[in-house]
Amino acid sequence: MPKQFQKNIEDLKCENCGKFVVGNGYTNHCPICLWSKHVDINPGDRLATCQGLMKPVGAEIGGGEENIVHECVKCGFVRKNKLCRGDDYKTFIAISIVRK
C-alpha cells in the first residue's frame, strides 16, 4: 500500500519561468506556467532522486475535478495534479488543446 500524502509547507522558485511561489503545504506546481518538479515518489514525500522538470502536457476535466497532467522531461514519469485556486486558467485551457 502506498504511503499517504505528506503535507510539506515550503516555498519554491519555478525553475521554468522564475516565479517565486509561496507554498501552502499542497503546492506542487507554478500557478503561472503550471510546470512542476519531479521531487516525490508518493505525493509529499520528497524522495524522488530524479529532480527533473515536469512539463504540463495535458488537462483533464471530469467528475468535478480539474487536473493537470505533468510529464517529467528527464525520465518520462507522468503524474496528475489538481488545478488549484489561483492557477492561470488560460494556461490550463491552452494545455488541454490537442496539438497534432
PDB file of N, CA and C in Angstrom:
ATOM      1  N   MET A   1       0.848  -1.186   0.000  1.00  0.00           N
ATOM      2  CA  MET A   1       0.000   0.000   0.000  1.00  0.00           C
ATOM      3  C   MET A   1       0.888   1.241   0.000  1.00  0.00           C
ATOM      4  N   PRO A   2       0.653   2.193  -0.932  1.00  0.00           N
ATOM      5  CA  PRO A   2       1.476   3.401  -0.977  1.00  0.00           C
ATOM      6  C   PRO A   2       1.270   4.276   0.255  1.00  0.00           C
ATOM      7  N   LYS A   3       2.317   5.032   0.571  1.00  0.00           N
ATOM      8  CA  LYS A   3       2.215   5.972   1.679  1.00  0.00           C
ATOM      9  C   LYS A   3       1.131   6.994   1.404  1.00  0.00           C
ATOM     10  N   GLN A   4       0.552   7.506   2.460  1.00  0.00           N
ATOM     11  CA  GLN A   4      -0.442   8.568   2.309  1.00  0.00           C
ATOM     12  C   GLN A   4       0.270   9.892   2.078  1.00  0.00           C
ATOM     13  N   PHE A   5      -0.488  10.851   1.575  1.00  0.00           N
ATOM     14  CA  PHE A   5       0.033  12.185   1.306  1.00  0.00           C
ATOM     15  C   PHE A   5       0.704  12.769   2.537  1.00  0.00           C
ATOM     16  N   GLN A   6       1.847  13.403   2.323  1.00  0.00           N
ATOM     17  CA  GLN A   6       2.559  14.089   3.385  1.00  0.00           C
ATOM     18  C   GLN A   6       2.575  15.582   3.076  1.00  0.00           C
ATOM     19  N   LYS A   7       1.977  16.367   3.949  1.00  0.00           N
ATOM     20  CA  LYS A   7       1.909  17.809   3.759  1.00  0.00           C
ATOM     21  C   LYS A   7       3.262  18.434   4.084  1.00  0.00           C
ATOM     22  N   ASN A   8       3.779  19.224   3.130  1.00  0.00           N
ATOM     23  CA  ASN A   8       5.042  19.944   3.301  1.00  0.00           C
ATOM     24  C   ASN A   8       4.818  21.405   2.938  1.00  0.00           C
ATOM     25  N   ILE A   9       4.948  22.278   3.922  1.00  0.00           N
ATOM     26  CA  ILE A   9       4.810  23.708   3.646  1.00  0.00           C
ATOM     27  C   ILE A   9       6.186  24.232   3.275  1.00  0.00           C
ATOM     28  N   GLU A  10       6.342  24.558   1.987  1.00  0.00           N
ATOM     29  CA  GLU A  10       7.620  25.075   1.511  1.00  0.00           C
ATOM     30  C   GLU A  10       7.381  25.988   0.314  1.00  0.00           C
ATOM     31  N   ASP A  11       8.162  27.049   0.255  1.00  0.00           N
ATOM     32  CA  ASP A  11       8.106  27.972  -0.863  1.00  0.00           C
ATOM     33  C   ASP A  11       9.011  27.431  -1.970  1.00  0.00           C
ATOM     34  N   LEU A  12       8.790  27.927  -3.196  1.00  0.00           N
ATOM     35  CA  LEU A  12       9.637  27.475  -4.291  1.00  0.00           C
ATOM     36  C   LEU A  12       9.807  28.574  -5.319  1.00  0.00           C
ATOM     37  N   LYS A  13      10.872  28.458  -6.075  1.00  0.00           N
ATOM     38  CA  LYS A  13      11.078  29.332  -7.227  1.00  0.00           C
ATOM     39  C   LYS A  13      10.943  28.434  -8.438  1.00  0.00           C
ATOM     40  N   CYS A  14      10.013  28.771  -9.326  1.00  0.00           N
ATOM     41  CA  CYS A  14       9.775  27.956 -10.507  1.00  0.00           C
ATOM     42  C   CYS A  14      11.037  27.914 -11.356  1.00  0.00           C
ATOM     43  N   GLU A  15      11.490  26.707 -11.661  1.00  0.00           N
ATOM     44  CA  GLU A  15      12.692  26.553 -12.465  1.00  0.00           C
ATOM     45  C   GLU A  15      12.403  26.707 -13.956  1.00  0.00           C
ATOM     46  N   ASN A  16      11.131  26.869 -14.327  1.00  0.00           N
ATOM     47  CA  ASN A  16      10.781  27.106 -15.720  1.00  0.00           C
ATOM     48  C   ASN A  16      10.653  28.602 -16.012  1.00  0.00           C
ATOM     49  N   CYS A  17       9.835  29.317 -15.223  1.00  0.00           N
ATOM     50  CA  CYS A  17       9.581  30.738 -15.519  1.00  0.00           C
ATOM     51  C   CYS A  17      10.178  31.708 -14.500  1.00  0.00           C
ATOM     52  N   GLY A  18      10.691  31.196 -13.370  1.00  0.00           N
ATOM     53  CA  GLY A  18      11.333  32.056 -12.369  1.00  0.00           C
ATOM     54  C   GLY A  18      10.416  32.656 -11.332  1.00  0.00           C
ATOM     55  N   LYS A  19       9.114  32.386 -11.414  1.00  0.00           N
ATOM     56  CA  LYS A  19       8.135  32.927 -10.448  1.00  0.00           C
ATOM     57  C   LYS A  19       8.424  32.393  -9.047  1.00  0.00           C
ATOM     58  N   PHE A  20       8.402  33.274  -8.031  1.00  0.00           N
ATOM     59  CA  PHE A  20       8.500  32.846  -6.639  1.00  0.00           C
ATOM     60  C   PHE A  20       7.107  32.472  -6.167  1.00  0.00           C
ATOM     61  N   VAL A  21       6.955  31.282  -5.617  1.00  0.00           N
ATOM     62  CA  VAL A  21       5.653  30.757  -5.214  1.00  0.00           C
ATOM     63  C   VAL A  21       5.663  30.484  -3.711  1.00  0.00           C
ATOM     64  N   VAL A  22       4.714  31.075  -2.993  1.00  0.00           N
ATOM     65  CA  VAL A  22       4.562  30.828  -1.560  1.00  0.00           C
ATOM     66  C   VAL A  22       3.747  29.549  -1.403  1.00  0.00           C
ATOM     67  N   GLY A  23       4.335  28.553  -0.756  1.00  0.00           N
ATOM     68  CA  GLY A  23       3.681  27.263  -0.589  1.00  0.00           C
ATOM     69  C   GLY A  23       2.660  27.260   0.531  1.00  0.00           C
ATOM     70  N   ASN A  24       1.688  26.345   0.423  1.00  0.00           N
ATOM     71  CA  ASN A  24       0.670  26.214   1.466  1.00  0.00           C
ATOM     72  C   ASN A  24       0.588  24.788   2.017  1.00  0.00           C
ATOM     73  N   GLY A  25       1.532  23.952   1.643  1.00  0.00           N
ATOM     74  CA  GLY A  25       1.518  22.564   2.089  1.00  0.00           C
ATOM     75  C   GLY A  25       0.972  21.614   1.039  1.00  0.00           C
ATOM     76  N   TYR A  26       0.309  22.185   0.060  1.00  0.00           N
ATOM     77  CA  TYR A  26      -0.238  21.384  -1.040  1.00  0.00           C
ATOM     78  C   TYR A  26       0.330  21.845  -2.385  1.00  0.00           C
ATOM     79  N   THR A  27       1.151  22.900  -2.363  1.00  0.00           N
ATOM     80  CA  THR A  27       1.696  23.487  -3.577  1.00  0.00           C
ATOM     81  C   THR A  27       2.665  22.511  -4.235  1.00  0.00           C
ATOM     82  N   ASN A  28       2.410  22.207  -5.515  1.00  0.00           N
ATOM     83  CA  ASN A  28       3.325  21.302  -6.214  1.00  0.00           C
ATOM     84  C   ASN A  28       3.614  21.749  -7.638  1.00  0.00           C
ATOM     85  N   HIS A  29       3.152  22.947  -8.008  1.00  0.00           N
ATOM     86  CA  HIS A  29       3.428  23.468  -9.336  1.00  0.00           C
ATOM     87  C   HIS A  29       3.311  24.981  -9.329  1.00  0.00           C
ATOM     88  N   CYS A  30       3.876  25.583 -10.357  1.00  0.00           N
ATOM     89  CA  CYS A  30       3.829  27.038 -10.514  1.00  0.00           C
ATOM     90  C   CYS A  30       2.433  27.456 -10.972  1.00  0.00           C
ATOM     91  N   PRO A  31       1.813  28.441 -10.333  1.00  0.00           N
ATOM     92  CA  PRO A  31       0.475  28.867 -10.734  1.00  0.00           C
ATOM     93  C   PRO A  31       0.451  29.667 -12.043  1.00  0.00           C
ATOM     94  N   ILE A  32       1.610  30.094 -12.517  1.00  0.00           N
ATOM     95  CA  ILE A  32       1.681  30.898 -13.745  1.00  0.00           C
ATOM     96  C   ILE A  32       1.853  29.996 -14.972  1.00  0.00           C
ATOM     97  N   CYS A  33       2.926  29.202 -15.004  1.00  0.00           N
ATOM     98  CA  CYS A  33       3.220  28.373 -16.178  1.00  0.00           C
ATOM     99  C   CYS A  33       2.772  26.920 -16.000  1.00  0.00           C
ATOM    100  N   LEU A  34       2.377  26.551 -14.779  1.00  0.00           N
ATOM    101  CA  LEU A  34       1.883  25.223 -14.398  1.00  0.00           C
ATOM    102  C   LEU A  34       2.940  24.118 -14.430  1.00  0.00           C
ATOM    103  N   TRP A  35       4.215  24.468 -14.579  1.00  0.00           N
ATOM    104  CA  TRP A  35       5.281  23.471 -14.534  1.00  0.00           C
ATOM    105  C   TRP A  35       5.491  23.036 -13.082  1.00  0.00           C
ATOM    106  N   SER A  36       6.030  21.843 -12.917  1.00  0.00           N
ATOM    107  CA  SER A  36       6.291  21.275 -11.601  1.00  0.00           C
ATOM    108  C   SER A  36       7.712  20.723 -11.596  1.00  0.00           C
ATOM    109  N   LYS A  37       8.044  19.970 -10.555  1.00  0.00           N
ATOM    110  CA  LYS A  37       9.357  19.330 -10.460  1.00  0.00           C
ATOM    111  C   LYS A  37       9.172  17.927  -9.907  1.00  0.00           C
ATOM    112  N   HIS A  38       9.914  16.983 -10.443  1.00  0.00           N
ATOM    113  CA  HIS A  38       9.810  15.579 -10.039  1.00  0.00           C
ATOM    114  C   HIS A  38      10.578  15.370  -8.730  1.00  0.00           C
ATOM    115  N   VAL A  39       9.885  15.625  -7.622  1.00  0.00           N
ATOM    116  CA  VAL A  39      10.515  15.522  -6.303  1.00  0.00           C
ATOM    117  C   VAL A  39       9.924  14.412  -5.437  1.00  0.00           C
ATOM    118  N   ASP A  40       8.754  13.886  -5.817  1.00  0.00           N
ATOM    119  CA  ASP A  40       8.066  12.897  -4.974  1.00  0.00           C
ATOM    120  C   ASP A  40       7.960  11.536  -5.650  1.00  0.00           C
ATOM    121  N   ILE A  41       8.071  10.493  -4.829  1.00  0.00           N
ATOM    122  CA  ILE A  41       7.679   9.159  -5.270  1.00  0.00           C
ATOM    123  C   ILE A  41       6.190   9.019  -4.980  1.00  0.00           C
ATOM    124  N   ASN A  42       5.821   9.289  -3.730  1.00  0.00           N
ATOM    125  CA  ASN A  42       4.421   9.393  -3.319  1.00  0.00           C
ATOM    126  C   ASN A  42       4.196  10.850  -2.934  1.00  0.00           C
ATOM    127  N   PRO A  43       3.016  11.407  -3.237  1.00  0.00           N
ATOM    128  CA  PRO A  43       2.781  12.832  -3.011  1.00  0.00           C
ATOM    129  C   PRO A  43       3.227  13.337  -1.637  1.00  0.00           C
ATOM    130  N   GLY A  44       4.146  14.306  -1.670  1.00  0.00           N
ATOM    131  CA  GLY A  44       4.616  14.957  -0.451  1.00  0.00           C
ATOM    132  C   GLY A  44       5.825  14.338   0.206  1.00  0.00           C
ATOM    133  N   ASP A  45       6.317  13.186  -0.277  1.00  0.00           N
ATOM    134  CA  ASP A  45       7.413  12.526   0.440  1.00  0.00           C
ATOM    135  C   ASP A  45       8.804  13.072   0.115  1.00  0.00           C
ATOM    136  N   ARG A  46       8.960  13.771  -0.988  1.00  0.00           N
ATOM    137  CA  ARG A  46      10.227  14.378  -1.427  1.00  0.00           C
ATOM    138  C   ARG A  46      11.354  13.339  -1.548  1.00  0.00           C
ATOM    139  N   LEU A  47      11.027  12.106  -1.954  1.00  0.00           N
ATOM    140  CA  LEU A  47      12.005  11.029  -2.040  1.00  0.00           C
ATOM    141  C   LEU A  47      12.492  10.717  -3.451  1.00  0.00           C
ATOM    142  N   ALA A  48      11.963  11.391  -4.469  1.00  0.00           N
ATOM    143  CA  ALA A  48      12.405  11.126  -5.833  1.00  0.00           C
ATOM    144  C   ALA A  48      13.808  11.697  -6.038  1.00  0.00           C
ATOM    145  N   THR A  49      14.666  10.909  -6.633  1.00  0.00           N
ATOM    146  CA  THR A  49      16.034  11.357  -6.889  1.00  0.00           C
ATOM    147  C   THR A  49      16.166  12.021  -8.260  1.00  0.00           C
ATOM    148  N   CYS A  50      15.175  11.900  -9.118  1.00  0.00           N
ATOM    149  CA  CYS A  50      15.219  12.425 -10.480  1.00  0.00           C
ATOM    150  C   CYS A  50      15.437  13.931 -10.496  1.00  0.00           C
ATOM    151  N   GLN A  51      14.564  14.685  -9.853  1.00  0.00           N
ATOM    152  CA  GLN A  51      14.625  16.146  -9.768  1.00  0.00           C
ATOM    153  C   GLN A  51      14.446  16.854 -11.112  1.00  0.00           C
ATOM    154  N   GLY A  52      13.922  16.144 -12.126  1.00  0.00           N
ATOM    155  CA  GLY A  52      13.673  16.753 -13.430  1.00  0.00           C
ATOM    156  C   GLY A  52      12.468  17.668 -13.411  1.00  0.00           C
ATOM    157  N   LEU A  53      12.391  18.563 -14.380  1.00  0.00           N
ATOM    158  CA  LEU A  53      11.219  19.429 -14.508  1.00  0.00           C
ATOM    159  C   LEU A  53      10.059  18.631 -15.071  1.00  0.00           C
ATOM    160  N   MET A  54       8.859  18.940 -14.576  1.00  0.00           N
ATOM    161  CA  MET A  54       7.638  18.262 -15.005  1.00  0.00           C
ATOM    162  C   MET A  54       6.840  19.241 -15.868  1.00  0.00           C
ATOM    163  N   LYS A  55       6.771  18.932 -17.165  1.00  0.00           N
ATOM    164  CA  LYS A  55       6.077  19.774 -18.129  1.00  0.00           C
ATOM    165  C   LYS A  55       4.579  19.495 -18.096  1.00  0.00           C
ATOM    166  N   PRO A  56       3.738  20.542 -18.094  1.00  0.00           N
ATOM    167  CA  PRO A  56       2.297  20.306 -18.197  1.00  0.00           C
ATOM    168  C   PRO A  56       1.968  19.896 -19.634  1.00  0.00           C
ATOM    169  N   VAL A  57       1.554  18.644 -19.805  1.00  0.00           N
ATOM    170  CA  VAL A  57       1.341  18.112 -21.156  1.00  0.00           C
ATOM    171  C   VAL A  57      -0.130  17.873 -21.482  1.00  0.00           C
ATOM    172  N   GLY A  58      -0.998  18.035 -20.502  1.00  0.00           N
ATOM    173  CA  GLY A  58      -2.415  17.819 -20.755  1.00  0.00           C
ATOM    174  C   GLY A  58      -3.261  18.282 -19.602  1.00  0.00           C
ATOM    175  N   ALA A  59      -4.559  18.298 -19.852  1.00  0.00           N
ATOM    176  CA  ALA A  59      -5.527  18.708 -18.845  1.00  0.00           C
ATOM    177  C   ALA A  59      -6.685  17.732 -18.877  1.00  0.00           C
ATOM    178  N   GLU A  60      -7.191  17.402 -17.716  1.00  0.00           N
ATOM    179  CA  GLU A  60      -8.350  16.521 -17.611  1.00  0.00           C
ATOM    180  C   GLU A  60      -9.419  17.209 -16.783  1.00  0.00           C
ATOM    181  N   ILE A  61     -10.630  17.227 -17.322  1.00  0.00           N
ATOM    182  CA  ILE A  61     -11.757  17.824 -16.616  1.00  0.00           C
ATOM    183  C   ILE A  61     -12.845  16.767 -16.544  1.00  0.00           C
ATOM    184  N   GLY A  62     -13.280  16.453 -15.328  1.00  0.00           N
ATOM    185  CA  GLY A  62     -14.335  15.469 -15.178  1.00  0.00           C
ATOM    186  C   GLY A  62     -14.527  15.080 -13.731  1.00  0.00           C
ATOM    187  N   GLY A  63     -15.711  14.612 -13.415  1.00  0.00           N
ATOM    188  CA  GLY A  63     -16.003  14.180 -12.053  1.00  0.00           C
ATOM    189  C   GLY A  63     -15.864  15.288 -11.030  1.00  0.00           C
ATOM    190  N   GLY A  64     -16.066  16.531 -11.457  1.00  0.00           N
ATOM    191  CA  GLY A  64     -15.958  17.650 -10.532  1.00  0.00           C
ATOM    192  C   GLY A  64     -14.525  18.080 -10.248  1.00  0.00           C
ATOM    193  N   GLU A  65     -13.546  17.509 -10.965  1.00  0.00           N
ATOM    194  CA  GLU A  65     -12.140  17.864 -10.758  1.00  0.00           C
ATOM    195  C   GLU A  65     -11.509  18.356 -12.047  1.00  0.00           C
ATOM    196  N   GLU A  66     -10.506  19.185 -11.878  1.00  0.00           N
ATOM    197  CA  GLU A  66      -9.683  19.646 -12.998  1.00  0.00           C
ATOM    198  C   GLU A  66      -8.242  19.286 -12.653  1.00  0.00           C
ATOM    199  N   ASN A  67      -7.615  18.489 -13.516  1.00  0.00           N
ATOM    200  CA  ASN A  67      -6.263  18.016 -13.255  1.00  0.00           C
ATOM    201  C   ASN A  67      -5.310  18.409 -14.357  1.00  0.00           C
ATOM    202  N   ILE A  68      -4.101  18.750 -13.948  1.00  0.00           N
ATOM    203  CA  ILE A  68      -3.001  18.996 -14.868  1.00  0.00           C
ATOM    204  C   ILE A  68      -2.255  17.667 -14.998  1.00  0.00           C
ATOM    205  N   VAL A  69      -1.934  17.280 -16.204  1.00  0.00           N
ATOM    206  CA  VAL A  69      -1.117  16.087 -16.423  1.00  0.00           C
ATOM    207  C   VAL A  69       0.310  16.575 -16.658  1.00  0.00           C
ATOM    208  N   HIS A  70       1.226  16.126 -15.788  1.00  0.00           N
ATOM    209  CA  HIS A  70       2.632  16.503 -15.890  1.00  0.00           C
ATOM    210  C   HIS A  70       3.449  15.310 -16.363  1.00  0.00           C
ATOM    211  N   GLU A  71       4.446  15.581 -17.201  1.00  0.00           N
ATOM    212  CA  GLU A  71       5.393  14.552 -17.625  1.00  0.00           C
ATOM    213  C   GLU A  71       6.808  15.062 -17.379  1.00  0.00           C
ATOM    214  N   CYS A  72       7.616  14.249 -16.717  1.00  0.00           N
ATOM    215  CA  CYS A  72       8.987  14.629 -16.414  1.00  0.00           C
ATOM    216  C   CYS A  72       9.807  14.643 -17.704  1.00  0.00           C
ATOM    217  N   VAL A  73      10.486  15.765 -17.961  1.00  0.00           N
ATOM    218  CA  VAL A  73      11.282  15.891 -19.178  1.00  0.00           C
ATOM    219  C   VAL A  73      12.590  15.113 -19.074  1.00  0.00           C
ATOM    220  N   LYS A  74      12.940  14.671 -17.872  1.00  0.00           N
ATOM    221  CA  LYS A  74      14.185  13.929 -17.669  1.00  0.00           C
ATOM    222  C   LYS A  74      13.977  12.423 -17.764  1.00  0.00           C
ATOM    223  N   CYS A  75      12.910  11.904 -17.098  1.00  0.00           N
ATOM    224  CA  CYS A  75      12.741  10.441 -17.032  1.00  0.00           C
ATOM    225  C   CYS A  75      11.425   9.940 -17.629  1.00  0.00           C
ATOM    226  N   GLY A  76      10.499  10.852 -17.973  1.00  0.00           N
ATOM    227  CA  GLY A  76       9.242  10.455 -18.585  1.00  0.00           C
ATOM    228  C   GLY A  76       8.124  10.090 -17.621  1.00  0.00           C
ATOM    229  N   PHE A  77       8.352  10.183 -16.312  1.00  0.00           N
ATOM    230  CA  PHE A  77       7.334   9.883 -15.304  1.00  0.00           C
ATOM    231  C   PHE A  77       6.126  10.803 -15.506  1.00  0.00           C
ATOM    232  N   VAL A  78       4.917  10.238 -15.392  1.00  0.00           N
ATOM    233  CA  VAL A  78       3.693  11.008 -15.572  1.00  0.00           C
ATOM    234  C   VAL A  78       2.881  10.990 -14.279  1.00  0.00           C
ATOM    235  N   ARG A  79       2.360  12.160 -13.905  1.00  0.00           N
ATOM    236  CA  ARG A  79       1.519  12.283 -12.703  1.00  0.00           C
ATOM    237  C   ARG A  79       0.471  13.364 -12.939  1.00  0.00           C
ATOM    238  N   LYS A  80      -0.699  13.155 -12.357  1.00  0.00           N
ATOM    239  CA  LYS A  80      -1.771  14.166 -12.389  1.00  0.00           C
ATOM    240  C   LYS A  80      -1.723  14.976 -11.106  1.00  0.00           C
ATOM    241  N   ASN A  81      -1.993  16.275 -11.233  1.00  0.00           N
ATOM    242  CA  ASN A  81      -2.065  17.166 -10.086  1.00  0.00           C
ATOM    243  C   ASN A  81      -3.308  18.036 -10.223  1.00  0.00           C
ATOM    244  N   LYS A  82      -3.975  18.261  -9.112  1.00  0.00           N
ATOM    245  CA  LYS A  82      -5.190  19.077  -9.138  1.00  0.00           C
ATOM    246  C   LYS A  82      -4.865  20.526  -9.469  1.00  0.00           C
ATOM    247  N   LEU A  83      -5.714  21.118 -10.309  1.00  0.00           N
ATOM    248  CA  LEU A  83      -5.640  22.547 -10.574  1.00  0.00           C
ATOM    249  C   LEU A  83      -6.029  23.254  -9.283  1.00  0.00           C
ATOM    250  N   CYS A  84      -5.299  24.284  -8.918  1.00  0.00           N
ATOM    251  CA  CYS A  84      -5.540  24.989  -7.657  1.00  0.00           C
ATOM    252  C   CYS A  84      -6.144  26.364  -7.908  1.00  0.00           C
ATOM    253  N   ARG A  85      -6.849  26.852  -6.911  1.00  0.00           N
ATOM    254  CA  ARG A  85      -7.355  28.223  -6.966  1.00  0.00           C
ATOM    255  C   ARG A  85      -6.136  29.139  -7.119  1.00  0.00           C
ATOM    256  N   GLY A  86      -6.224  30.065  -8.041  1.00  0.00           N
ATOM    257  CA  GLY A  86      -5.105  30.965  -8.285  1.00  0.00           C
ATOM    258  C   GLY A  86      -4.230  30.530  -9.454  1.00  0.00           C
ATOM    259  N   ASP A  87      -4.410  29.308  -9.959  1.00  0.00           N
ATOM    260  CA  ASP A  87      -3.660  28.864 -11.127  1.00  0.00           C
ATOM    261  C   ASP A  87      -4.167  29.596 -12.368  1.00  0.00           C
ATOM    262  N   ASP A  88      -3.288  29.833 -13.310  1.00  0.00           N
ATOM    263  CA  ASP A  88      -3.654  30.531 -14.537  1.00  0.00           C
ATOM    264  C   ASP A  88      -4.541  29.633 -15.395  1.00  0.00           C
ATOM    265  N   TYR A  89      -5.834  29.955 -15.449  1.00  0.00           N
ATOM    266  CA  TYR A  89      -6.794  29.098 -16.141  1.00  0.00           C
ATOM    267  C   TYR A  89      -6.604  29.138 -17.652  1.00  0.00           C
ATOM    268  N   LYS A  90      -6.129  30.258 -18.174  1.00  0.00           N
ATOM    269  CA  LYS A  90      -5.867  30.334 -19.616  1.00  0.00           C
ATOM    270  C   LYS A  90      -4.758  29.355 -20.010  1.00  0.00           C
ATOM    271  N   THR A  91      -3.749  29.229 -19.170  1.00  0.00           N
ATOM    272  CA  THR A  91      -2.680  28.267 -19.437  1.00  0.00           C
ATOM    273  C   THR A  91      -3.221  26.854 -19.346  1.00  0.00           C
ATOM    274  N   PHE A  92      -4.090  26.596 -18.381  1.00  0.00           N
ATOM    275  CA  PHE A  92      -4.708  25.278 -18.242  1.00  0.00           C
ATOM    276  C   PHE A  92      -5.503  24.915 -19.488  1.00  0.00           C
ATOM    277  N   ILE A  93      -6.297  25.843 -19.972  1.00  0.00           N
ATOM    278  CA  ILE A  93      -7.083  25.598 -21.194  1.00  0.00           C
ATOM    279  C   ILE A  93      -6.160  25.376 -22.380  1.00  0.00           C
ATOM    280  N   ALA A  94      -5.089  26.152 -22.466  1.00  0.00           N
ATOM    281  CA  ALA A  94      -4.144  26.025 -23.578  1.00  0.00           C
ATOM    282  C   ALA A  94      -3.514  24.628 -23.628  1.00  0.00           C
ATOM    283  N   ILE A  95      -3.190  24.046 -22.467  1.00  0.00           N
ATOM    284  CA  ILE A  95      -2.587  22.713 -22.488  1.00  0.00           C
ATOM    285  C   ILE A  95      -3.614  21.630 -22.730  1.00  0.00           C
ATOM    286  N   SER A  96      -4.900  21.987 -22.642  1.00  0.00           N
ATOM    287  CA  SER A  96      -5.939  20.989 -22.888  1.00  0.00           C
ATOM    288  C   SER A  96      -6.228  20.816 -24.373  1.00  0.00           C
ATOM    289  N   ILE A  97      -5.749  21.750 -25.175  1.00  0.00           N
ATOM    290  CA  ILE A  97      -5.967  21.681 -26.623  1.00  0.00           C
ATOM    291  C   ILE A  97      -5.008  20.657 -27.223  1.00  0.00           C
ATOM    292  N   VAL A  98      -5.562  19.701 -27.947  1.00  0.00           N
ATOM    293  CA  VAL A  98      -4.755  18.651 -28.551  1.00  0.00           C
ATOM    294  C   VAL A  98      -3.965  19.247 -29.709  1.00  0.00           C
ATOM    295  N   ARG A  99      -2.651  19.058 -29.648  1.00  0.00           N
ATOM    296  CA  ARG A  99      -1.782  19.541 -30.725  1.00  0.00           C
ATOM    297  C   ARG A  99      -1.352  18.352 -31.565  1.00  0.00           C
ATOM    298  N   LYS A 100      -1.455  18.492 -32.885  1.00  0.00           N
ATOM    299  CA  LYS A 100      -1.051  17.406 -33.791  1.00  0.00           C
ATOM    300  C   LYS A 100       0.131  17.808 -34.618  1.00  0.00           C
TER     301      LYS A 100
END
